[in-house]
C-alpha atoms as a PDB file:
ATOM      1  CA  MET A   1      41.243 -41.429 -82.743  1.00  0.00           C
ATOM      2  CA  PRO A   2      39.703 -38.173 -81.420  1.00  0.00           C
ATOM      3  CA  ARG A   3      36.458 -37.152 -83.128  1.00  0.00           C
ATOM      4  CA  ASN A   4      37.642 -33.640 -84.021  1.00  0.00           C
ATOM      5  CA  GLY A   5      40.718 -35.042 -85.709  1.00  0.00           C
ATOM      6  CA  LEU A   6      38.534 -37.364 -87.771  1.00  0.00           C
ATOM      7  CA  LEU A   7      36.424 -34.395 -88.895  1.00  0.00           C
ATOM      8  CA  LEU A   8      39.522 -32.562 -90.127  1.00  0.00           C
ATOM      9  CA  VAL A   9      40.725 -35.624 -92.029  1.00  0.00           C
ATOM     10  CA  ALA A  10      37.278 -36.066 -93.584  1.00  0.00           C
ATOM     11  CA  GLY A  11      37.355 -32.427 -94.635  1.00  0.00           C
ATOM     12  CA  ALA A  12      40.734 -32.955 -96.278  1.00  0.00           C
ATOM     13  CA  LEU A  13      39.416 -35.894 -98.289  1.00  0.00           C
ATOM     14  CA  LEU A  14      36.357 -33.911 -99.423  1.00  0.00           C
ATOM     15  CA  THR A  15      38.551 -30.991-100.468  1.00  0.00           C
ATOM     16  CA  LEU A  16      40.873 -33.191-102.503  1.00  0.00           C
ATOM     17  CA  ALA A  17      37.907 -35.003-104.033  1.00  0.00           C
ATOM     18  CA  ALA A  18      36.722 -31.677-105.461  1.00  0.00           C
ATOM     19  CA  ALA A  19      40.106 -30.956-107.032  1.00  0.00           C
ATOM     20  CA  PRO A  20      39.495 -32.497-110.500  1.00  0.00           C
ATOM     21  CA  GLN A  21      36.374 -30.384-111.148  1.00  0.00           C
ATOM     22  CA  ALA A  22      37.997 -27.185-109.902  1.00  0.00           C
ATOM     23  CA  LEU A  23      41.158 -27.995-111.851  1.00  0.00           C
ATOM     24  CA  ALA A  24      39.174 -28.484-115.055  1.00  0.00           C
ATOM     25  CA  ALA A  25      37.350 -25.198-114.544  1.00  0.00           C
ATOM     26  CA  GLY A  26      40.563 -23.354-113.793  1.00  0.00           C
ATOM     27  CA  THR A  27      42.291 -24.825-116.862  1.00  0.00           C
ATOM     28  CA  ALA A  28      39.410 -23.875-119.135  1.00  0.00           C
ATOM     29  CA  ALA A  29      39.499 -20.314-117.876  1.00  0.00           C
ATOM     30  CA  ALA A  30      43.270 -19.915-118.142  1.00  0.00           C
ATOM     31  CA  PRO A  31      44.339 -17.458-120.887  1.00  0.00           C
ATOM     32  CA  ALA A  32      46.730 -18.509-123.595  1.00  0.00           C
ATOM     33  CA  VAL A  33      50.329 -17.471-123.062  1.00  0.00           C
ATOM     34  CA  GLY A  34      52.191 -15.977-125.984  1.00  0.00           C
ATOM     35  CA  SER A  35      55.897 -15.766-126.660  1.00  0.00           C
ATOM     36  CA  LYS A  36      56.405 -12.743-124.408  1.00  0.00           C
ATOM     37  CA  ALA A  37      58.312 -13.301-121.173  1.00  0.00           C
ATOM     38  CA  ILE A  38      56.164 -13.353-118.037  1.00  0.00           C
ATOM     39  CA  ALA A  39      57.441 -11.264-115.130  1.00  0.00           C
ATOM     40  CA  VAL A  40      58.083 -13.280-111.991  1.00  0.00           C
ATOM     41  CA  GLN A  41      55.634 -12.214-109.264  1.00  0.00           C
ATOM     42  CA  PRO A  42      55.038 -13.654-105.814  1.00  0.00           C
ATOM     43  CA  MET A  43      51.948 -15.826-105.535  1.00  0.00           C
ATOM     44  CA  THR A  44      50.844 -13.544-102.725  1.00  0.00           C
ATOM     45  CA  THR A  45      50.977 -10.388-104.836  1.00  0.00           C
ATOM     46  CA  VAL A  46      47.665  -8.553-105.083  1.00  0.00           C
ATOM     47  CA  GLU A  47      47.662  -4.906-106.046  1.00  0.00           C
ATOM     48  CA  GLY A  48      44.589  -3.937-104.067  1.00  0.00           C
ATOM     49  CA  GLY A  49      41.833  -6.305-103.122  1.00  0.00           C
ATOM     50  CA  VAL A  50      42.001  -9.449-101.030  1.00  0.00           C
ATOM     51  CA  LYS A  51      43.617 -12.808-101.620  1.00  0.00           C
ATOM     52  CA  SER A  52      43.065 -15.841 -99.436  1.00  0.00           C
ATOM     53  CA  TRP A  53      43.887 -19.518 -99.268  1.00  0.00           C
ATOM     54  CA  VAL A  54      42.920 -22.574 -97.263  1.00  0.00           C
ATOM     55  CA  SER A  55      44.764 -25.853 -96.769  1.00  0.00           C
ATOM     56  CA  LEU A  56      44.366 -29.127 -94.934  1.00  0.00           C
ATOM     57  CA  GLY A  57      47.302 -31.185 -93.771  1.00  0.00           C
ATOM     58  CA  ILE A  58      48.784 -33.853 -91.579  1.00  0.00           C
ATOM     59  CA  GLU A  59      51.613 -33.374 -89.090  1.00  0.00           C
ATOM     60  CA  GLN A  60      54.096 -35.682 -87.386  1.00  0.00           C
ATOM     61  CA  TRP A  61      55.022 -34.363 -83.934  1.00  0.00           C
ATOM     62  CA  SER A  62      57.851 -35.356 -81.626  1.00  0.00           C
ATOM     63  CA  GLY A  63      59.059 -33.953 -78.328  1.00  0.00           C
ATOM     64  CA  GLU A  64      57.622 -33.668 -74.842  1.00  0.00           C
ATOM     65  CA  THR A  65      56.146 -31.500 -72.144  1.00  0.00           C
ATOM     66  CA  MET A  66      58.075 -31.872 -68.891  1.00  0.00           C
ATOM     67  CA  TYR A  67      57.485 -30.399 -65.472  1.00  0.00           C
ATOM     68  CA  GLN A  68      59.741 -30.413 -62.421  1.00  0.00           C
ATOM     69  CA  ILE A  69      58.956 -29.500 -58.827  1.00  0.00           C
ATOM     70  CA  GLY A  70      61.254 -28.912 -55.892  1.00  0.00           C
ATOM     71  CA  TYR A  71      62.362 -26.570 -53.156  1.00  0.00           C
ATOM     72  CA  PRO A  72      61.636 -24.010 -51.834  1.00  0.00           C
ATOM     73  CA  VAL A  73      58.425 -25.506 -50.408  1.00  0.00           C
ATOM     74  CA  ALA A  74      55.989 -23.247 -48.562  1.00  0.00           C
ATOM     75  CA  PHE A  75      53.752 -24.594 -45.793  1.00  0.00           C
ATOM     76  CA  ASP A  76      51.323 -22.754 -43.569  1.00  0.00           C
ATOM     77  CA  GLY A  77      53.621 -20.936 -41.215  1.00  0.00           C
ATOM     78  CA  GLY A  78      56.964 -21.479 -42.910  1.00  0.00           C
ATOM     79  CA  VAL A  79      59.223 -22.186 -45.892  1.00  0.00           C
ATOM     80  CA  GLU A  80      61.585 -25.127 -46.318  1.00  0.00           C
ATOM     81  CA  ASN A  81      64.627 -24.722 -48.586  1.00  0.00           C
ATOM     82  CA  GLY A  82      66.582 -27.413 -50.356  1.00  0.00           C
ATOM     83  CA  TYR A  83      67.471 -28.808 -53.769  1.00  0.00           C
ATOM     84  CA  PHE A  84      65.723 -28.668 -57.133  1.00  0.00           C
ATOM     85  CA  PRO A  85      64.150 -30.763 -58.517  1.00  0.00           C
ATOM     86  CA  PHE A  86      62.927 -33.578 -56.317  1.00  0.00           C
ATOM     87  CA  SER A  87      60.350 -34.779 -58.865  1.00  0.00           C
ATOM     88  CA  GLU A  88      60.071 -34.729 -62.665  1.00  0.00           C
ATOM     89  CA  LEU A  89      57.261 -35.898 -64.953  1.00  0.00           C
ATOM     90  CA  GLU A  90      57.676 -36.067 -68.730  1.00  0.00           C
ATOM     91  CA  PHE A  91      54.727 -36.439 -71.109  1.00  0.00           C
ATOM     92  CA  PRO A  92      55.389 -37.479 -74.729  1.00  0.00           C
ATOM     93  CA  LEU A  93      54.294 -35.566 -77.814  1.00  0.00           C
ATOM     94  CA  ASP A  94      54.898 -38.253 -80.450  1.00  0.00           C
ATOM     95  CA  VAL A  95      51.500 -37.669 -82.046  1.00  0.00           C
ATOM     96  CA  ASN A  96      49.951 -37.038 -85.438  1.00  0.00           C
ATOM     97  CA  MET A  97      47.851 -33.913 -85.874  1.00  0.00           C
ATOM     98  CA  ALA A  98      45.407 -32.885 -88.587  1.00  0.00           C
ATOM     99  CA  SER A  99      45.644 -29.201 -89.465  1.00  0.00           C
ATOM    100  CA  LEU A 100      43.401 -26.572 -90.998  1.00  0.00           C
ATOM    101  CA  ARG A 101      45.266 -23.460 -92.180  1.00  0.00           C
ATOM    102  CA  VAL A 102      43.755 -20.242 -93.501  1.00  0.00           C
ATOM    103  CA  GLY A 103      45.511 -17.189 -94.907  1.00  0.00           C
ATOM    104  CA  VAL A 104      44.123 -13.804 -95.941  1.00  0.00           C
ATOM    105  CA  GLU A 105      46.145 -10.971 -97.442  1.00  0.00           C
ATOM    106  CA  PHE A 106      44.854  -7.419 -97.774  1.00  0.00           C
ATOM    107  CA  SER A 107      46.267  -5.151-100.508  1.00  0.00           C
ATOM    108  CA  ASP A 108      49.481  -7.185-100.635  1.00  0.00           C
ATOM    109  CA  ARG A 109      50.549  -5.531 -97.392  1.00  0.00           C
ATOM    110  CA  ILE A 110      48.735  -7.102 -94.453  1.00  0.00           C
ATOM    111  CA  PRO A 111      48.843 -10.915 -94.201  1.00  0.00           C
ATOM    112  CA  VAL A 112      46.744 -12.698 -91.577  1.00  0.00           C
ATOM    113  CA  TYR A 113      47.188 -16.414 -90.841  1.00  0.00           C
ATOM    114  CA  ALA A 114      45.281 -18.833 -88.617  1.00  0.00           C
ATOM    115  CA  THR A 115      45.876 -22.517 -87.880  1.00  0.00           C
ATOM    116  CA  LEU A 116      43.828 -25.087 -85.977  1.00  0.00           C
ATOM    117  CA  LYS A 117      45.222 -28.516 -85.077  1.00  0.00           C
ATOM    118  CA  LYS A 118      43.669 -31.610 -83.510  1.00  0.00           C
ATOM    119  CA  PRO A 119      45.218 -35.042 -82.842  1.00  0.00           C
ATOM    120  CA  VAL A 120      44.472 -38.078 -84.996  1.00  0.00           C
ATOM    121  CA  LYS A 121      46.900 -40.420 -83.187  1.00  0.00           C
ATOM    122  CA  ASP A 122      47.636 -40.771 -79.480  1.00  0.00           C
ATOM    123  CA  PRO A 123      51.220 -40.871 -78.144  1.00  0.00           C
ATOM    124  CA  SER A 124      52.870 -44.288 -78.278  1.00  0.00           C
ATOM    125  CA  ASP A 125      55.787 -43.403 -75.989  1.00  0.00           C
ATOM    126  CA  ASN A 126      55.363 -43.784 -72.241  1.00  0.00           C
ATOM    127  CA  MET A 127      55.121 -41.056 -69.645  1.00  0.00           C
ATOM    128  CA  THR A 128      58.011 -41.154 -67.153  1.00  0.00           C
ATOM    129  CA  ASP A 129      58.114 -40.093 -63.499  1.00  0.00           C
ATOM    130  CA  LYS A 130      61.380 -39.584 -61.581  1.00  0.00           C
ATOM    131  CA  ASP A 131      61.915 -38.746 -57.909  1.00  0.00           C
ATOM    132  CA  TRP A 132      65.005 -37.751 -55.918  1.00  0.00           C
ATOM    133  CA  ILE A 133      64.078 -38.119 -52.259  1.00  0.00           C
ATOM    134  CA  THR A 134      67.423 -38.498 -50.439  1.00  0.00           C
ATOM    135  CA  ASP A 135      68.372 -35.140 -48.921  1.00  0.00           C
ATOM    136  CA  SER A 136      71.945 -36.250 -48.298  1.00  0.00           C
ATOM    137  CA  ASN A 137      72.379 -37.287 -51.961  1.00  0.00           C
ATOM    138  CA  PRO A 138      69.974 -35.192 -54.072  1.00  0.00           C
ATOM    139  CA  THR A 139      71.501 -36.269 -57.410  1.00  0.00           C
ATOM    140  CA  ARG A 140      70.721 -39.962 -56.807  1.00  0.00           C
ATOM    141  CA  LEU A 141      67.615 -41.155 -58.657  1.00  0.00           C
ATOM    142  CA  ASP A 142      65.541 -43.023 -56.088  1.00  0.00           C
ATOM    143  CA  ILE A 143      62.186 -43.733 -57.767  1.00  0.00           C
ATOM    144  CA  TYR A 144      61.405 -44.278 -61.445  1.00  0.00           C
ATOM    145  CA  SER A 145      58.171 -45.269 -63.150  1.00  0.00           C
ATOM    146  CA  GLU A 146      56.692 -45.551 -66.630  1.00  0.00           C
ATOM    147  CA  SER A 147      53.024 -45.229 -67.527  1.00  0.00           C
ATOM    148  CA  SER A 148      51.142 -45.773 -70.775  1.00  0.00           C
ATOM    149  CA  ILE A 149      48.950 -43.055 -72.278  1.00  0.00           C
ATOM    150  CA  SER A 150      45.380 -44.372 -72.065  1.00  0.00           C
ATOM    151  CA  SER A 151      43.698 -41.204 -73.353  1.00  0.00           C
ATOM    152  CA  PHE A 152      44.962 -38.052 -75.045  1.00  0.00           C
ATOM    153  CA  ASP A 153      43.463 -34.885 -76.442  1.00  0.00           C
ATOM    154  CA  ALA A 154      44.922 -31.618 -77.660  1.00  0.00           C
ATOM    155  CA  THR A 155      43.927 -28.325 -79.212  1.00  0.00           C
ATOM    156  CA  VAL A 156      46.409 -26.015 -80.912  1.00  0.00           C
ATOM    157  CA  PHE A 157      45.288 -22.658 -82.289  1.00  0.00           C
ATOM    158  CA  ASP A 158      47.633 -20.023 -83.690  1.00  0.00           C
ATOM    159  CA  ILE A 159      46.716 -16.677 -85.268  1.00  0.00           C
ATOM    160  CA  ASP A 160      49.020 -13.882 -86.395  1.00  0.00           C
ATOM    161  CA  ALA A 161      49.039 -10.734 -88.509  1.00  0.00           C
ATOM    162  CA  GLY A 162      51.817  -8.644 -89.976  1.00  0.00           C
ATOM    163  CA  TYR A 163      52.778  -5.781 -92.240  1.00  0.00           C
ATOM    164  CA  LYS A 164      55.029  -6.174 -95.277  1.00  0.00           C
ATOM    165  CA  PHE A 165      57.663  -3.492 -94.959  1.00  0.00           C
ATOM    166  CA  LEU A 166      59.715  -4.836 -97.891  1.00  0.00           C
ATOM    167  CA  ARG A 167      58.341  -6.034-101.228  1.00  0.00           C
ATOM    168  CA  MET A 168      60.444  -7.059-104.203  1.00  0.00           C
ATOM    169  CA  PRO A 169      59.673  -9.342-107.170  1.00  0.00           C
ATOM    170  CA  GLN A 170      61.272 -12.342-105.480  1.00  0.00           C
ATOM    171  CA  ILE A 171      61.306 -11.520-101.780  1.00  0.00           C
ATOM    172  CA  ALA A 172      59.040  -9.997 -99.144  1.00  0.00           C
ATOM    173  CA  LEU A 173      59.611  -9.339 -95.446  1.00  0.00           C
ATOM    174  CA  SER A 174      56.953  -8.671 -92.824  1.00  0.00           C
ATOM    175  CA  ALA A 175      56.789  -8.054 -89.091  1.00  0.00           C
ATOM    176  CA  GLY A 176      53.862  -8.501 -86.769  1.00  0.00           C
ATOM    177  CA  ALA A 177      52.381 -10.219 -83.752  1.00  0.00           C
ATOM    178  CA  GLY A 178      50.329 -13.279 -82.939  1.00  0.00           C
ATOM    179  CA  TYR A 179      48.716 -15.415 -80.277  1.00  0.00           C
ATOM    180  CA  LEU A 180      49.240 -19.124 -79.612  1.00  0.00           C
ATOM    181  CA  PHE A 181      46.904 -21.352 -77.600  1.00  0.00           C
ATOM    182  CA  GLN A 182      47.860 -24.950 -76.789  1.00  0.00           C
ATOM    183  CA  LYS A 183      46.113 -27.426 -74.540  1.00  0.00           C
ATOM    184  CA  PHE A 184      47.284 -30.997 -73.893  1.00  0.00           C
ATOM    185  CA  ASP A 185      45.303 -33.480 -71.798  1.00  0.00           C
ATOM    186  CA  TYR A 186      46.648 -36.897 -70.713  1.00  0.00           C
ATOM    187  CA  ASP A 187      45.236 -39.887 -68.835  1.00  0.00           C
ATOM    188  CA  VAL A 188      47.912 -42.412 -67.873  1.00  0.00           C
ATOM    189  CA  ARG A 189      48.031 -45.938 -66.457  1.00  0.00           C
ATOM    190  CA  LEU A 190      50.971 -47.090 -64.375  1.00  0.00           C
ATOM    191  CA  LEU A 191      53.009 -49.892 -65.933  1.00  0.00           C
ATOM    192  CA  HIS A 192      55.879 -50.380 -63.487  1.00  0.00           C
ATOM    193  CA  GLN A 193      57.549 -48.445 -60.689  1.00  0.00           C
ATOM    194  CA  TRP A 194      60.834 -49.344 -59.025  1.00  0.00           C
ATOM    195  CA  SER A 195      63.789 -47.849 -57.157  1.00  0.00           C
ATOM    196  CA  PRO A 196      67.025 -47.539 -59.192  1.00  0.00           C
ATOM    197  CA  SER A 197      68.893 -46.800 -55.949  1.00  0.00           C
ATOM    198  CA  GLY A 198      67.529 -49.926 -54.252  1.00  0.00           C
ATOM    199  CA  LEU A 199      65.161 -48.364 -51.729  1.00  0.00           C
ATOM    200  CA  PRO A 200      62.646 -50.924 -50.419  1.00  0.00           C
ATOM    201  CA  GLY A 201      58.892 -50.583 -50.821  1.00  0.00           C
ATOM    202  CA  TYR A 202      58.779 -48.918 -54.247  1.00  0.00           C
ATOM    203  CA  ASP A 203      58.628 -51.894 -56.624  1.00  0.00           C
ATOM    204  CA  TYR A 204      55.152 -52.619 -57.937  1.00  0.00           C
ATOM    205  CA  TYR A 205      53.090 -52.863 -61.117  1.00  0.00           C
ATOM    206  CA  GLY A 206      49.966 -51.002 -62.150  1.00  0.00           C
ATOM    207  CA  ASP A 207      46.555 -52.663 -62.080  1.00  0.00           C
ATOM    208  CA  GLY A 208      45.249 -51.133 -65.314  1.00  0.00           C
ATOM    209  CA  GLN A 209      43.262 -48.280 -63.805  1.00  0.00           C
ATOM    210  CA  THR A 210      43.887 -44.630 -64.610  1.00  0.00           C
ATOM    211  CA  ALA A 211      46.395 -43.396 -62.059  1.00  0.00           C
ATOM    212  CA  LEU A 212      46.918 -39.808 -63.147  1.00  0.00           C
ATOM    213  CA  ASN A 213      45.461 -37.046 -65.284  1.00  0.00           C
ATOM    214  CA  TYR A 214      47.626 -34.172 -66.460  1.00  0.00           C
ATOM    215  CA  GLU A 215      46.406 -31.093 -68.301  1.00  0.00           C
ATOM    216  CA  ILE A 216      48.485 -28.118 -69.367  1.00  0.00           C
ATOM    217  CA  THR A 217      47.414 -24.974 -71.213  1.00  0.00           C
ATOM    218  CA  TYR A 218      49.820 -22.523 -72.840  1.00  0.00           C
ATOM    219  CA  LYS A 219      48.729 -18.971 -73.732  1.00  0.00           C
ATOM    220  CA  VAL A 220      51.341 -17.017 -75.648  1.00  0.00           C
ATOM    221  CA  PRO A 221      51.164 -13.549 -77.229  1.00  0.00           C
ATOM    222  CA  TYR A 222      54.263 -13.191 -79.396  1.00  0.00           C
ATOM    223  CA  MET A 223      56.223 -11.036 -81.840  1.00  0.00           C
ATOM    224  CA  GLN A 224      57.281 -12.398 -85.210  1.00  0.00           C
ATOM    225  CA  MET A 225      59.033 -11.825 -88.517  1.00  0.00           C
ATOM    226  CA  ARG A 226      58.242 -13.589 -91.794  1.00  0.00           C
ATOM    227  CA  ALA A 227      60.103 -13.909 -95.078  1.00  0.00           C
ATOM    228  CA  GLU A 228      58.774 -15.037 -98.459  1.00  0.00           C
ATOM    229  CA  PHE A 229      61.074 -16.097-101.309  1.00  0.00           C
ATOM    230  CA  ARG A 230      60.147 -16.801-104.934  1.00  0.00           C
ATOM    231  CA  PRO A 231      63.036 -18.850-106.439  1.00  0.00           C
ATOM    232  CA  ILE A 232      61.093 -19.961-109.545  1.00  0.00           C
ATOM    233  CA  PRO A 233      57.589 -19.367-110.931  1.00  0.00           C
ATOM    234  CA  LYS A 234      54.839 -21.214-109.053  1.00  0.00           C
ATOM    235  CA  ALA A 235      57.121 -22.017-106.111  1.00  0.00           C
ATOM    236  CA  GLU A 236      57.588 -20.146-102.854  1.00  0.00           C
ATOM    237  CA  ILE A 237      59.558 -20.620 -99.658  1.00  0.00           C
ATOM    238  CA  PHE A 238      58.233 -19.207 -96.391  1.00  0.00           C
ATOM    239  CA  ALA A 239      60.198 -18.739 -93.174  1.00  0.00           C
ATOM    240  CA  ARG A 240      59.140 -17.445 -89.771  1.00  0.00           C
ATOM    241  CA  ILE A 241      60.732 -16.732 -86.421  1.00  0.00           C
ATOM    242  CA  ALA A 242      58.687 -15.793 -83.365  1.00  0.00           C
ATOM    243  CA  TYR A 243      59.561 -14.953 -79.775  1.00  0.00           C
ATOM    244  CA  SER A 244      57.712 -14.049 -76.605  1.00  0.00           C
ATOM    245  CA  PRO A 245      58.814 -13.175 -73.068  1.00  0.00           C
ATOM    246  CA  TRP A 246      55.126 -13.225 -72.067  1.00  0.00           C
ATOM    247  CA  ALA A 247      54.368 -16.945 -72.321  1.00  0.00           C
ATOM    248  CA  ALA A 248      51.992 -18.210 -69.622  1.00  0.00           C
ATOM    249  CA  ALA A 249      50.895 -21.691 -68.602  1.00  0.00           C
ATOM    250  CA  GLU A 250      48.509 -23.342 -66.187  1.00  0.00           C
ATOM    251  CA  ASP A 251      48.743 -27.037 -65.405  1.00  0.00           C
ATOM    252  CA  HIS A 252      46.652 -29.451 -63.362  1.00  0.00           C
ATOM    253  CA  ASP A 253      47.962 -32.809 -62.123  1.00  0.00           C
ATOM    254  CA  GLN A 254      45.563 -35.214 -60.419  1.00  0.00           C
ATOM    255  CA  HIS A 255      47.046 -38.271 -58.668  1.00  0.00           C
ATOM    256  CA  PHE A 256      43.942 -40.419 -58.247  1.00  0.00           C
ATOM    257  CA  LEU A 257      45.576 -43.164 -56.180  1.00  0.00           C
ATOM    258  CA  ARG A 258      46.773 -40.647 -53.569  1.00  0.00           C
ATOM    259  CA  ASN A 259      43.817 -38.233 -53.736  1.00  0.00           C
ATOM    260  CA  LYS A 260      46.336 -35.492 -54.490  1.00  0.00           C
ATOM    261  CA  ASP A 261      45.473 -32.484 -56.625  1.00  0.00           C
ATOM    262  CA  ASN A 262      48.207 -30.158 -57.954  1.00  0.00           C
ATOM    263  CA  LYS A 263      47.672 -26.854 -59.766  1.00  0.00           C
ATOM    264  CA  GLY A 264      50.442 -24.745 -61.266  1.00  0.00           C
ATOM    265  CA  ASP A 265      50.715 -21.193 -62.561  1.00  0.00           C
ATOM    266  CA  LEU A 266      53.787 -20.242 -64.594  1.00  0.00           C
ATOM    267  CA  ASP A 267      55.246 -17.672 -66.982  1.00  0.00           C
ATOM    268  CA  GLY A 268      58.332 -17.503 -69.153  1.00  0.00           C
ATOM    269  CA  ASP A 269      59.629 -17.551 -72.721  1.00  0.00           C
ATOM    270  CA  TYR A 270      58.534 -18.938 -76.081  1.00  0.00           C
ATOM    271  CA  LEU A 271      60.645 -19.414 -79.223  1.00  0.00           C
ATOM    272  CA  ASN A 272      59.468 -20.680 -82.596  1.00  0.00           C
ATOM    273  CA  PHE A 273      60.888 -21.013 -86.070  1.00  0.00           C
ATOM    274  CA  ALA A 274      59.371 -22.576 -89.161  1.00  0.00           C
ATOM    275  CA  VAL A 275      60.165 -23.099 -92.832  1.00  0.00           C
ATOM    276  CA  GLU A 276      57.779 -24.211 -95.572  1.00  0.00           C
ATOM    277  CA  GLY A 277      58.061 -24.868 -99.304  1.00  0.00           C
ATOM    278  CA  ARG A 278      54.966 -24.435-101.467  1.00  0.00           C
ATOM    279  CA  TYR A 279      54.366 -25.379-105.112  1.00  0.00           C
ATOM    280  CA  GLU A 280      51.343 -24.428-107.214  1.00  0.00           C
ATOM    281  CA  PHE A 281      50.962 -27.592-109.304  1.00  0.00           C
ATOM    282  CA  ALA A 282      47.780 -26.445-111.086  1.00  0.00           C
ATOM    283  CA  PRO A 283      45.808 -23.200-111.361  1.00  0.00           C
ATOM    284  CA  ARG A 284      44.939 -22.238-107.769  1.00  0.00           C
ATOM    285  CA  TRP A 285      45.925 -25.624-106.289  1.00  0.00           C
ATOM    286  CA  PHE A 286      49.100 -26.060-104.261  1.00  0.00           C
ATOM    287  CA  VAL A 287      50.937 -28.527-102.061  1.00  0.00           C
ATOM    288  CA  SER A 288      53.436 -27.711 -99.345  1.00  0.00           C
ATOM    289  CA  ALA A 289      55.809 -29.359 -96.904  1.00  0.00           C
ATOM    290  CA  GLY A 290      57.704 -27.929 -93.992  1.00  0.00           C
ATOM    291  CA  TYR A 291      59.211 -28.114 -90.531  1.00  0.00           C
ATOM    292  CA  GLU A 292      58.414 -26.209 -87.337  1.00  0.00           C
ATOM    293  CA  TYR A 293      60.117 -26.143 -83.944  1.00  0.00           C
ATOM    294  CA  SER A 294      58.813 -24.584 -80.735  1.00  0.00           C
ATOM    295  CA  TYR A 295      60.383 -24.268 -77.293  1.00  0.00           C
ATOM    296  CA  LEU A 296      58.685 -23.117 -74.089  1.00  0.00           C
ATOM    297  CA  ASP A 297      60.538 -22.430 -70.840  1.00  0.00           C
ATOM    298  CA  LEU A 298      58.450 -21.344 -67.843  1.00  0.00           C
ATOM    299  CA  ASP A 299      58.784 -21.009 -64.073  1.00  0.00           C
ATOM    300  CA  GLY A 300      56.230 -20.623 -61.311  1.00  0.00           C
ATOM    301  CA  THR A 301      54.633 -22.401 -58.384  1.00  0.00           C
ATOM    302  CA  MET A 302      52.345 -25.394 -57.893  1.00  0.00           C
ATOM    303  CA  THR A 303      49.919 -25.824 -55.006  1.00  0.00           C
ATOM    304  CA  ALA A 304      49.098 -29.281 -53.631  1.00  0.00           C
ATOM    305  CA  GLU A 305      45.909 -30.457 -51.956  1.00  0.00           C
ATOM    306  CA  PHE A 306      45.092 -33.810 -50.350  1.00  0.00           C
ATOM    307  CA  TYR A 307      41.410 -34.753 -50.196  1.00  0.00           C
ATOM    308  CA  GLY A 308      40.577 -31.156 -51.139  1.00  0.00           C
ATOM    309  CA  ILE A 309      42.559 -29.615 -48.279  1.00  0.00           C
ATOM    310  CA  TYR A 310      45.528 -27.325 -48.993  1.00  0.00           C
ATOM    311  CA  ASP A 311      48.858 -28.834 -47.951  1.00  0.00           C
ATOM    312  CA  HIS A 312      51.813 -26.953 -49.482  1.00  0.00           C
ATOM    313  CA  THR A 313      53.189 -24.946 -52.431  1.00  0.00           C
ATOM    314  CA  VAL A 314      56.271 -26.025 -54.377  1.00  0.00           C
ATOM    315  CA  THR A 315      58.498 -24.345 -56.949  1.00  0.00           C
ATOM    316  CA  GLU A 316      57.726 -25.525 -60.492  1.00  0.00           C
ATOM    317  CA  HIS A 317      59.565 -25.477 -63.822  1.00  0.00           C
ATOM    318  CA  VAL A 318      58.036 -26.451 -67.196  1.00  0.00           C
ATOM    319  CA  GLU A 319      59.781 -27.076 -70.515  1.00  0.00           C
ATOM    320  CA  SER A 320      58.299 -28.194 -73.802  1.00  0.00           C
ATOM    321  CA  HIS A 321      60.138 -29.152 -76.992  1.00  0.00           C
ATOM    322  CA  GLN A 322      57.890 -29.510 -80.036  1.00  0.00           C
ATOM    323  CA  SER A 323      59.273 -30.670 -83.382  1.00  0.00           C
ATOM    324  CA  VAL A 324      56.808 -30.873 -86.285  1.00  0.00           C
ATOM    325  CA  PHE A 325      57.064 -32.116 -89.879  1.00  0.00           C
ATOM    326  CA  PHE A 326      54.001 -31.372 -92.013  1.00  0.00           C
ATOM    327  CA  ILE A 327      52.495 -31.649 -95.484  1.00  0.00           C
ATOM    328  CA  THR A 328      49.428 -29.812 -96.768  1.00  0.00           C
ATOM    329  CA  ALA A 329      47.247 -29.417 -99.846  1.00  0.00           C
ATOM    330  CA  GLY A 330      45.330 -26.229-100.461  1.00  0.00           C
ATOM    331  CA  TYR A 331      43.443 -23.868-102.720  1.00  0.00           C
ATOM    332  CA  LEU A 332      44.027 -20.189-103.567  1.00  0.00           C
ATOM    333  CA  PHE A 333      41.078 -17.779-103.741  1.00  0.00           C
ATOM    334  CA  GLY A 334      40.804 -14.250-105.080  1.00  0.00           C
ATOM    335  CA  LYS A 335      43.267 -12.352-107.226  1.00  0.00           C
ATOM    336  CA  GLY A 336      46.865 -13.217-107.763  1.00  0.00           C
ATOM    337  CA  ALA A 337      46.603 -16.985-108.220  1.00  0.00           C
ATOM    338  CA  ASN A 338      48.746 -18.272-111.081  1.00  0.00           C
END
């Protein structure tokens, strides 16, 4: 388990351990409620001043990051055209992440959110590698291999800010912008490679050593809209949709057994939507659960070197599907907490 993920989990346990004392203090300070009806107000409502919250959570991820390479291929002195792709590598994202989320709202108009995530469980699915190397039959899969994930690390950081252009007792809408940073780092060990099409010389097993390292970094400025709903007192539903045509990625693939070093530079699109339900079960304390989906689609080029010497540049395509279920527990600071 990565050390940073352990620190986040430890922080979550310490936060929850402090809940009884804070709960007792909050209960003692709570004013008595008479027979008059209480107007329904969003938990995020603060007429002036600042309200903030912090939460710790755990996430179950699924999905993958996949990259394909193919023609056109540029060499010194020429370009070779052909089919796409001739190679595809898929890296799993079936991981658990610990999350730290922070929200600050200024004058009930300007919400700012930040999230940091680190892995607490490595992927259990295998990485797959596919190659189509027959020019006369480019749709025939010729080489297939699976590799186990021997080491994994990731960092996900997301920050956004918006402006609430609509505020009503039970609904609020905001628009804004944000920035997403993701970095995934894999070490893999070959398990078995063979030729589904029956080509000789491609059937062998790994020897347990690390055969490949793959690292990809996404940097995404994006636009977003958020909605907040208050169906009943102490409960809220949050929804978000975000999009960017300015997504960028850099990846680095090192094939240790072949002394091959690949580096890619890509740009493209990013789409995200999320929904979360939150319930304030005690003064200032809340729990939440939700779902988030992200999709990245990028195109660019990848350069290849052998033994540190430039060899060629290929066309590259990257896709990532990221599906996340999460639960959190948190604490509300400042004005406006029920």
